[in-house]
Amino acid sequence: MPMKLAGTDPVRLLPTSRDAAADARPDSHQRLQLNHDFSVIHTRDAFAADNPALLQVLRRREPAKRHRLAVFIDDGVLRACPELPQRIRGYADTHAAHLEIAGEIVPLPGGEACKNDPLHLWLLLQALADRNIDRHSYALAIGGGAALDTVGLAASLFHRGVRHIRLPSTVLSQADSGVGVKNAINWNGQKNLIGSFAVPWAVINDAALIDGLPAREKRAGMAEAVKVALIRDASFFRWLEARADALARFEQPDLEELIQRSAALHLRQITQGGDPFEQGSARPLDYGHWIAHKLERLSAHALNHGEAVAIGIACDARYSALAGLLPAGDEARVWRLLRALGFELWHEQLLAQDEHGRLALLQGLGEFREHLGGALCVTLLEELGRGREVNTVDGERVMQSILWLQQRHAAPSPDARAGVNETVCGAGR
């Protein structure tokens, strides 16, 4: 599934004047146009000897070359699939004419731990240096969104950028963050404060990596699928409603379709939305996230990202209705879908207060504004399947939306329908 990120022509400088002397002046305006291409491949069992996906992306530009890879694996993936390093080396041995693993395979902490300590970034840079990775070599990362973020940042910095291949290992990263162009670590208590925009060489979504995830992790990634359906595709939202029971049981065909459709919508926004590197203020793919990012920290990360996003989505849907944008009753459909998928749409920190007695959650608006560059721009809903950007958020309506969530949480309702699937990764899938 080749994707073209931006531009249609090779790199070129376009002078703005026909006067050669004027063009040479330091203040002469120039335009640099870049053409980025990368592949997003959906497959199963990427390291089976007969699976061509990895070879295809390695050999895309130099088909006859023997390619060197530095391999980094999220330790959560290693715990779930302890045989994975052996399988990767077996794959490299089978295809030794085209593939060489550089040095030892490097484990790294998964989750926010890997993004919270800058030491991990320096250790990754040292690992790339120790393996003599150059701009024609590859940094291959296997893991969840946080691990991909950290390895991606290291790859974008080393030699000013080496080829980076992502193998996302969670529903969230396969359906959303892993197919994007952003890399970051956290710093000074702020999420993604240090980072880069760098287009990956390729993304390989391996469905076998999803099989061994705990139920909580499978469910968490579904929040981003609901998010992108709400802002971009009403038909996908209706499909999610229709398949909610099967998805709550993590039935394989439905979960794989959710991932593929969500990834395609995220890619469409990145490649066709006109702002892949977020130079403007609008962040439609961050619908529900101003709440989620703050709530993650307020809960001391007792909520994972997907769980916080689900709460943010539901709260902002109610806010959209209160603001007269979303037709009344549609916010309840959003709430019911998220509950049917198994999300608990409440946390006591929604009502936490700061030292001045104000709603602590509202501090997230200031942080969101600062991240955008000073101008607040929040995505709300004007209908199911269509987002709308607004530049102001009313604190009283936020409180009303929180109280609406609290009331629905307290009311008798069917238990969340969340299946359990604790299969393990294995060969031959």
Protein backbone atom coordinates (compact mmCIF):
# COMPACT_ATOMS: atom_id res chain seq x y z
CA MET A 1 0.00 0.00 0.00
CA PRO A 2 2.40 2.71 -1.16
CA MET A 3 1.65 6.15 0.19
CA LYS A 4 2.83 9.51 -1.16
CA LEU A 5 3.16 12.08 1.59
CA ALA A 6 3.69 15.43 -0.08
CA GLY A 7 4.66 16.90 -3.41
CA THR A 8 4.66 15.41 -6.86
CA ASP A 9 8.05 16.44 -8.20
CA PRO A 10 11.65 15.65 -7.26
CA VAL A 11 13.38 18.06 -4.90
CA ARG A 12 13.96 21.36 -6.66
CA LEU A 13 14.59 25.00 -5.91
CA LEU A 14 12.20 27.39 -7.60
CA PRO A 15 13.49 30.96 -8.01
CA THR A 16 10.98 33.76 -7.61
CA SER A 17 12.72 36.12 -10.01
CA ARG A 18 14.15 35.84 -13.48
CA ASP A 19 16.90 38.25 -12.54
CA ALA A 20 19.90 36.03 -11.71
CA ALA A 21 21.49 38.72 -9.58
CA ALA A 22 18.30 39.16 -7.58
CA ASP A 23 18.00 35.42 -7.13
CA ALA A 24 21.44 35.35 -5.54
CA ARG A 25 20.53 37.89 -2.84
CA PRO A 26 20.19 36.44 0.68
CA ASP A 27 16.60 37.71 0.93
CA SER A 28 15.50 36.03 -2.30
CA HIS A 29 12.48 33.85 -1.62
CA GLN A 30 12.90 30.19 -2.51
CA ARG A 31 10.55 27.26 -2.52
CA LEU A 32 11.72 23.77 -1.61
CA GLN A 33 9.41 20.99 -2.73
CA LEU A 34 9.92 17.51 -1.33
CA ASN A 35 8.58 14.16 -2.42
CA HIS A 36 8.20 11.56 0.34
CA ASP A 37 7.07 8.02 -0.35
CA PHE A 38 6.59 5.23 2.14
CA SER A 39 4.81 1.89 2.23
CA VAL A 40 2.21 0.72 4.74
CA ILE A 41 1.79 -3.04 4.52
CA HIS A 42 -0.78 -5.18 6.35
CA THR A 43 0.38 -8.75 6.74
CA ARG A 44 0.49 -11.68 9.16
CA ASP A 45 3.63 -13.27 10.58
CA ALA A 46 6.14 -10.89 9.05
CA PHE A 47 9.11 -13.09 10.00
CA ALA A 48 7.85 -16.29 8.42
CA ALA A 49 10.52 -17.36 5.94
CA ASP A 50 8.18 -17.03 2.96
CA ASN A 51 6.73 -13.64 3.91
CA PRO A 52 8.09 -11.08 1.40
CA ALA A 53 6.96 -7.88 3.17
CA LEU A 54 10.20 -6.94 4.92
CA LEU A 55 12.36 -7.90 1.93
CA GLN A 56 10.20 -5.77 -0.34
CA VAL A 57 10.67 -2.62 1.72
CA LEU A 58 14.39 -3.23 2.25
CA ARG A 59 15.03 -3.76 -1.46
CA ARG A 60 12.79 -0.98 -2.71
CA ARG A 61 15.62 1.32 -3.77
CA GLU A 62 18.66 -1.00 -4.02
CA PRO A 63 17.33 -4.46 -4.90
CA ALA A 64 20.74 -6.12 -5.28
CA LYS A 65 22.30 -4.82 -2.06
CA ARG A 66 22.81 -6.71 1.21
CA HIS A 67 21.05 -4.46 3.70
CA ARG A 68 22.12 -3.91 7.32
CA LEU A 69 19.54 -3.54 10.10
CA ALA A 70 19.78 -2.46 13.70
CA VAL A 71 16.80 -4.10 15.44
CA PHE A 72 15.08 -2.69 18.54
CA ILE A 73 12.26 -4.52 20.35
CA ASP A 74 9.87 -3.29 23.04
CA ASP A 75 10.40 -5.46 26.15
CA GLY A 76 6.66 -5.97 26.40
CA VAL A 77 6.76 -7.64 23.00
CA LEU A 78 9.70 -9.77 24.14
CA ARG A 79 7.75 -10.96 27.18
CA ALA A 80 4.75 -11.88 25.03
CA CYS A 81 6.86 -13.38 22.22
CA PRO A 82 10.17 -14.56 23.72
CA GLU A 83 10.97 -16.49 20.56
CA LEU A 84 10.81 -13.38 18.36
CA PRO A 85 14.57 -12.56 18.29
CA GLN A 86 15.32 -16.13 17.21
CA ARG A 87 12.69 -15.90 14.49
CA ILE A 88 14.11 -12.59 13.25
CA ARG A 89 17.59 -14.10 13.03
CA GLY A 90 16.17 -17.14 11.27
CA TYR A 91 14.52 -14.83 8.74
CA ALA A 92 17.84 -13.01 8.23
CA ASP A 93 19.68 -16.32 7.74
CA THR A 94 17.12 -17.47 5.17
CA HIS A 95 17.54 -14.23 3.24
CA ALA A 96 21.23 -13.67 3.95
CA ALA A 97 21.87 -12.52 0.40
CA HIS A 98 19.79 -9.41 1.08
CA LEU A 99 19.69 -8.96 4.85
CA GLU A 100 22.13 -8.71 7.76
CA ILE A 101 21.31 -8.02 11.41
CA ALA A 102 23.87 -5.52 12.73
CA GLY A 103 25.04 -6.54 16.20
CA GLU A 104 22.77 -7.79 18.96
CA ILE A 105 19.05 -7.12 18.95
CA VAL A 106 18.40 -4.28 21.42
CA PRO A 107 15.55 -4.48 23.98
CA LEU A 108 14.05 -1.24 25.28
CA PRO A 109 11.37 -0.41 27.84
CA GLY A 110 7.86 -0.11 26.48
CA GLY A 111 5.19 2.36 27.47
CA GLU A 112 5.79 5.87 28.76
CA ALA A 113 8.85 4.71 30.73
CA CYS A 114 10.86 4.70 27.52
CA LYS A 115 9.73 8.25 26.68
CA ASN A 116 10.03 9.75 30.16
CA ASP A 117 13.78 9.22 30.64
CA PRO A 118 16.01 10.95 28.04
CA LEU A 119 18.74 8.42 28.83
CA HIS A 120 16.92 5.88 26.67
CA LEU A 121 17.26 8.17 23.67
CA TRP A 122 21.02 8.49 24.21
CA LEU A 123 21.36 4.73 24.61
CA LEU A 124 19.58 4.23 21.28
CA LEU A 125 21.88 6.73 19.57
CA GLN A 126 24.88 4.89 21.03
CA ALA A 127 23.50 1.59 19.78
CA LEU A 128 23.19 3.02 16.26
CA ALA A 129 26.77 4.30 16.45
CA ASP A 130 28.09 0.98 17.77
CA ARG A 131 26.51 -0.80 14.82
CA ASN A 132 27.89 1.66 12.26
CA ILE A 133 24.42 2.43 10.96
CA ASP A 134 24.60 4.86 8.05
CA ARG A 135 22.02 6.58 5.89
CA HIS A 136 21.66 3.50 3.69
CA SER A 137 21.18 1.18 6.68
CA TYR A 138 17.98 0.68 8.65
CA ALA A 139 16.71 1.10 12.19
CA LEU A 140 13.92 -1.45 12.63
CA ALA A 141 11.65 -0.91 15.65
CA ILE A 142 9.10 -3.42 16.91
CA GLY A 143 6.81 -2.25 19.67
CA GLY A 144 4.03 -0.02 20.88
CA GLY A 145 3.64 3.65 20.12
CA ALA A 146 6.02 4.86 22.85
CA ALA A 147 8.85 2.58 21.72
CA LEU A 148 8.28 3.54 18.08
CA ASP A 149 8.30 7.22 19.07
CA THR A 150 11.65 6.91 20.84
CA VAL A 151 13.41 4.80 18.22
CA GLY A 152 11.94 7.01 15.50
CA LEU A 153 13.36 10.10 17.18
CA ALA A 154 16.80 8.49 17.49
CA ALA A 155 16.68 7.44 13.83
CA SER A 156 15.69 10.95 12.74
CA LEU A 157 18.62 12.49 14.68
CA PHE A 158 21.39 10.04 13.86
CA HIS A 159 23.31 11.19 10.76
CA ARG A 160 20.42 13.72 10.46
CA GLY A 161 18.20 10.80 9.56
CA VAL A 162 18.60 7.09 8.84
CA ARG A 163 16.01 4.83 7.28
CA HIS A 164 13.42 3.81 9.85
CA ILE A 165 11.05 0.83 9.56
CA ARG A 166 8.21 0.46 12.06
CA LEU A 167 6.51 -2.77 13.10
CA PRO A 168 3.77 -1.56 15.47
CA SER A 169 2.78 -4.19 18.02
CA THR A 170 -0.44 -2.75 19.52
CA VAL A 171 -3.88 -2.00 18.15
CA LEU A 172 -3.34 1.68 18.96
CA SER A 173 -0.02 1.93 17.11
CA GLN A 174 -1.16 -0.14 14.11
CA ALA A 175 -4.40 1.82 13.79
CA ASP A 176 -3.00 5.29 14.49
CA SER A 177 0.38 6.45 15.79
CA GLY A 178 2.56 3.87 14.09
CA VAL A 179 1.48 4.90 10.59
CA GLY A 180 2.19 8.60 11.14
CA VAL A 181 5.23 10.84 10.73
CA LYS A 182 5.76 12.02 14.31
CA ASN A 183 8.44 10.98 16.82
CA ALA A 184 8.90 12.31 20.34
CA ILE A 185 9.87 11.84 23.95
CA ASN A 186 8.39 13.50 27.03
CA TRP A 187 10.31 16.18 28.91
CA ASN A 188 9.75 18.45 31.91
CA GLY A 189 6.51 16.62 32.61
CA GLN A 190 5.07 17.47 29.19
CA LYS A 191 4.06 14.85 26.69
CA ASN A 192 5.95 14.81 23.36
CA LEU A 193 7.80 18.05 24.10
CA ILE A 194 10.98 16.98 22.29
CA GLY A 195 10.50 15.39 18.90
CA SER A 196 10.66 15.51 15.14
CA PHE A 197 8.61 15.01 12.02
CA ALA A 198 10.27 12.27 9.98
CA VAL A 199 8.66 10.09 7.33
CA PRO A 200 9.36 6.39 7.98
CA TRP A 201 10.84 4.23 5.26
CA ALA A 202 7.97 1.79 5.77
CA VAL A 203 5.37 0.55 8.23
CA ILE A 204 4.57 -3.16 8.47
CA ASN A 205 1.42 -3.98 10.45
CA ASP A 206 1.81 -7.62 11.52
CA ALA A 207 -1.52 -9.01 12.73
CA ALA A 208 0.27 -11.83 14.58
CA LEU A 209 1.71 -9.29 17.02
CA ILE A 210 -1.82 -8.35 18.08
CA ASP A 211 -2.82 -11.92 18.96
CA GLY A 212 -0.88 -12.02 22.22
CA LEU A 213 -1.96 -8.66 23.61
CA PRO A 214 -3.89 -8.53 26.89
CA ALA A 215 -7.54 -7.60 26.51
CA ARG A 216 -6.95 -4.13 27.98
CA GLU A 217 -4.35 -3.30 25.34
CA LYS A 218 -6.49 -4.57 22.48
CA ARG A 219 -9.38 -2.44 23.65
CA ALA A 220 -7.29 0.70 24.17
CA GLY A 221 -6.44 1.03 20.49
CA MET A 222 -10.10 0.97 19.48
CA ALA A 223 -10.55 4.47 20.93
CA GLU A 224 -8.46 5.99 18.14
CA ALA A 225 -10.56 4.15 15.55
CA VAL A 226 -13.74 5.63 17.05
CA LYS A 227 -12.06 9.05 17.07
CA VAL A 228 -11.12 9.04 13.39
CA ALA A 229 -14.52 7.65 12.42
CA LEU A 230 -16.22 10.50 14.29
CA ILE A 231 -14.27 13.24 12.55
CA ARG A 232 -13.91 11.73 9.07
CA ASP A 233 -16.16 8.75 8.20
CA ALA A 234 -19.76 8.26 9.33
CA SER A 235 -19.99 4.91 7.55
CA PHE A 236 -17.05 3.61 9.58
CA PHE A 237 -18.76 4.82 12.76
CA ARG A 238 -21.91 2.90 11.81
CA TRP A 239 -19.80 -0.18 11.08
CA LEU A 240 -18.25 0.10 14.54
CA GLU A 241 -21.71 0.30 16.07
CA ALA A 242 -22.85 -2.77 14.12
CA ARG A 243 -19.76 -4.82 15.02
CA ALA A 244 -19.34 -3.61 18.61
CA ASP A 245 -20.18 -6.99 20.17
CA ALA A 246 -17.70 -8.85 17.97
CA LEU A 247 -15.05 -6.21 18.56
CA ALA A 248 -15.59 -6.39 22.32
CA ARG A 249 -14.81 -10.12 22.01
CA PHE A 250 -11.75 -9.26 19.88
CA GLU A 251 -12.87 -11.47 17.04
CA GLN A 252 -9.98 -11.58 14.63
CA PRO A 253 -11.50 -10.61 11.27
CA ASP A 254 -13.33 -7.62 12.76
CA LEU A 255 -10.34 -6.42 14.76
CA GLU A 256 -8.10 -6.63 11.70
CA GLU A 257 -10.66 -4.67 9.65
CA LEU A 258 -10.88 -2.02 12.37
CA ILE A 259 -7.10 -1.61 12.27
CA GLN A 260 -6.91 -1.40 8.49
CA ARG A 261 -9.79 1.06 8.14
CA SER A 262 -8.53 3.25 10.97
CA ALA A 263 -4.98 3.27 9.59
CA ALA A 264 -6.29 4.21 6.12
CA LEU A 265 -8.24 7.17 7.52
CA HIS A 266 -5.27 8.40 9.55
CA LEU A 267 -3.06 8.11 6.48
CA ARG A 268 -5.58 9.98 4.36
CA GLN A 269 -5.54 12.87 6.83
CA ILE A 270 -1.73 12.92 6.93
CA THR A 271 -1.17 12.61 3.19
CA GLN A 272 -4.13 14.62 1.89
CA GLY A 273 -5.00 16.96 4.76
CA GLY A 274 -2.58 19.63 3.58
CA ASP A 275 -0.55 19.89 6.79
CA PRO A 276 1.45 16.68 7.39
CA PHE A 277 4.03 18.40 9.60
CA GLU A 278 1.44 20.41 11.56
CA GLN A 279 2.57 23.91 10.64
CA GLY A 280 -0.93 25.30 11.21
CA SER A 281 -3.06 25.28 14.36
CA ALA A 282 -5.68 22.66 13.47
CA ARG A 283 -5.14 19.14 14.80
CA PRO A 284 -8.21 17.15 13.73
CA LEU A 285 -6.57 13.83 14.67
CA ASP A 286 -6.30 15.17 18.23
CA TYR A 287 -10.07 15.17 18.74
CA GLY A 288 -10.64 14.30 22.41
CA HIS A 289 -6.93 14.57 23.16
CA TRP A 290 -6.73 17.85 25.04
CA ILE A 291 -8.66 16.11 27.79
CA ALA A 292 -6.89 12.78 27.35
CA HIS A 293 -3.36 14.11 27.68
CA LYS A 294 -4.16 15.99 30.87
CA LEU A 295 -6.23 13.16 32.33
CA GLU A 296 -3.40 10.66 31.79
CA ARG A 297 -1.15 12.80 33.98
CA LEU A 298 -3.85 13.59 36.55
CA SER A 299 -4.46 9.85 36.95
CA ALA A 300 -0.69 9.26 37.32
CA HIS A 301 -1.05 7.08 34.21
CA ALA A 302 -3.48 4.71 35.92
CA LEU A 303 -5.40 5.34 32.69
CA ASN A 304 -3.56 4.30 29.56
CA HIS A 305 -3.67 6.53 26.50
CA GLY A 306 -6.57 4.76 24.78
CA GLU A 307 -8.70 4.76 27.94
CA ALA A 308 -8.09 8.48 28.44
CA VAL A 309 -8.86 9.16 24.77
CA ALA A 310 -12.17 7.29 25.08
CA ILE A 311 -13.16 9.55 27.99
CA GLY A 312 -12.02 12.63 26.06
CA ILE A 313 -14.04 11.59 23.02
CA ALA A 314 -17.20 11.07 25.06
CA CYS A 315 -16.76 14.33 26.96
CA ASP A 316 -16.13 16.37 23.81
CA ALA A 317 -19.12 14.74 22.10
CA ARG A 318 -21.34 15.94 24.93
CA TYR A 319 -19.69 19.39 24.79
CA SER A 320 -20.39 19.49 21.03
CA ALA A 321 -24.07 18.83 21.69
CA LEU A 322 -24.24 21.44 24.47
CA ALA A 323 -22.61 23.96 22.12
CA GLY A 324 -25.34 23.36 19.54
CA LEU A 325 -22.99 21.75 17.00
CA LEU A 326 -23.83 18.06 17.28
CA PRO A 327 -27.50 17.04 17.00
CA ALA A 328 -28.96 16.18 20.39
CA GLY A 329 -28.83 12.46 21.09
CA ASP A 330 -25.81 11.73 18.92
CA GLU A 331 -23.51 12.17 21.90
CA ALA A 332 -25.36 9.29 23.57
CA ARG A 333 -24.61 7.10 20.53
CA VAL A 334 -20.92 7.87 20.97
CA TRP A 335 -21.13 7.01 24.68
CA ARG A 336 -23.00 3.75 24.00
CA LEU A 337 -20.49 2.62 21.37
CA LEU A 338 -17.53 3.24 23.65
CA ARG A 339 -19.26 1.45 26.53
CA ALA A 340 -20.16 -1.48 24.27
CA LEU A 341 -16.49 -1.79 23.34
CA GLY A 342 -15.71 -2.08 27.05
CA PHE A 343 -14.46 1.37 28.04
CA GLU A 344 -15.13 2.71 31.54
CA LEU A 345 -16.00 6.30 30.71
CA TRP A 346 -15.25 7.84 34.04
CA HIS A 347 -12.34 8.67 36.33
CA GLU A 348 -12.48 10.63 39.57
CA GLN A 349 -9.66 12.92 38.40
CA LEU A 350 -12.09 14.49 35.94
CA LEU A 351 -13.32 16.49 38.93
CA ALA A 352 -9.89 17.22 40.43
CA GLN A 353 -9.22 20.83 41.43
CA ASP A 354 -6.02 22.85 41.31
CA GLU A 355 -4.60 24.87 44.23
CA HIS A 356 -7.01 27.72 43.39
CA GLY A 357 -10.11 25.52 43.47
CA ARG A 358 -10.48 25.50 39.68
CA LEU A 359 -11.06 22.46 37.52
CA ALA A 360 -7.56 21.01 37.03
CA LEU A 361 -8.54 19.47 33.70
CA LEU A 362 -8.84 22.95 32.19
CA GLN A 363 -5.09 23.40 32.56
CA GLY A 364 -4.92 20.99 29.64
CA LEU A 365 -6.32 23.71 27.37
CA GLY A 366 -3.40 25.99 28.12
CA GLU A 367 -0.93 23.18 27.53
CA PHE A 368 -2.69 22.26 24.30
CA ARG A 369 -2.59 25.91 23.17
CA GLU A 370 1.13 26.13 23.94
CA HIS A 371 1.77 22.93 21.98
CA LEU A 372 -0.06 24.46 19.01
CA GLY A 373 2.03 27.62 19.16
CA GLY A 374 -0.22 30.02 21.04
CA ALA A 375 -3.52 29.84 19.12
CA LEU A 376 -6.13 27.52 20.58
CA CYS A 377 -7.78 25.29 18.01
CA VAL A 378 -9.87 22.37 19.26
CA THR A 379 -11.76 19.87 17.11
CA LEU A 380 -15.39 19.24 18.04
CA LEU A 381 -18.20 17.44 16.19
CA GLU A 382 -20.85 18.98 13.99
CA GLU A 383 -22.20 15.57 13.03
CA LEU A 384 -21.13 11.95 13.34
CA GLY A 385 -18.37 11.67 10.77
CA ARG A 386 -17.49 15.35 10.52
CA GLY A 387 -15.30 17.45 12.79
CA ARG A 388 -15.27 21.20 13.20
CA GLU A 389 -12.50 23.45 14.53
CA VAL A 390 -13.30 25.97 17.27
CA ASN A 391 -11.07 28.57 18.91
CA THR A 392 -12.72 28.87 22.30
CA VAL A 393 -13.78 26.37 24.95
CA ASP A 394 -16.23 27.31 27.69
CA GLY A 395 -15.22 26.01 31.12
CA GLU A 396 -18.81 25.79 32.36
CA ARG A 397 -19.79 23.56 29.42
CA VAL A 398 -16.76 21.38 30.12
CA MET A 399 -18.01 20.95 33.69
CA GLN A 400 -21.53 20.15 32.47
CA SER A 401 -20.07 17.54 30.13
CA ILE A 402 -18.09 15.97 32.97
CA LEU A 403 -21.18 15.85 35.18
CA TRP A 404 -23.07 14.18 32.31
CA LEU A 405 -20.42 11.46 32.20
CA GLN A 406 -20.59 11.09 35.98
CA GLN A 407 -24.37 10.75 35.90
CA ARG A 408 -24.29 8.10 33.17
CA HIS A 409 -21.51 6.27 34.98
CA ALA A 410 -23.57 6.14 38.18
CA ALA A 411 -26.78 5.03 36.46
CA PRO A 412 -27.51 1.29 36.24
CA SER A 413 -26.32 -0.04 32.90
CA PRO A 414 -25.22 -3.32 31.38
CA ASP A 415 -21.67 -4.34 32.12
CA ALA A 416 -19.08 -3.52 29.49
CA ARG A 417 -18.84 -6.35 27.04
CA ALA A 418 -15.12 -7.05 27.02
CA GLY A 419 -13.88 -10.46 25.99
CA VAL A 420 -10.59 -11.94 26.99
CA ASN A 421 -8.07 -13.27 24.54
CA GLU A 422 -4.75 -14.35 25.98
CA THR A 423 -3.29 -16.29 23.06
CA VAL A 424 0.46 -16.23 22.55
CA CYS A 425 2.57 -15.34 19.55
CA GLY A 426 3.79 -18.31 17.58
CA ALA A 427 5.16 -19.48 14.30
CA GLY A 428 3.07 -20.42 11.34
CA ARG A 429 0.31 -17.87 11.88
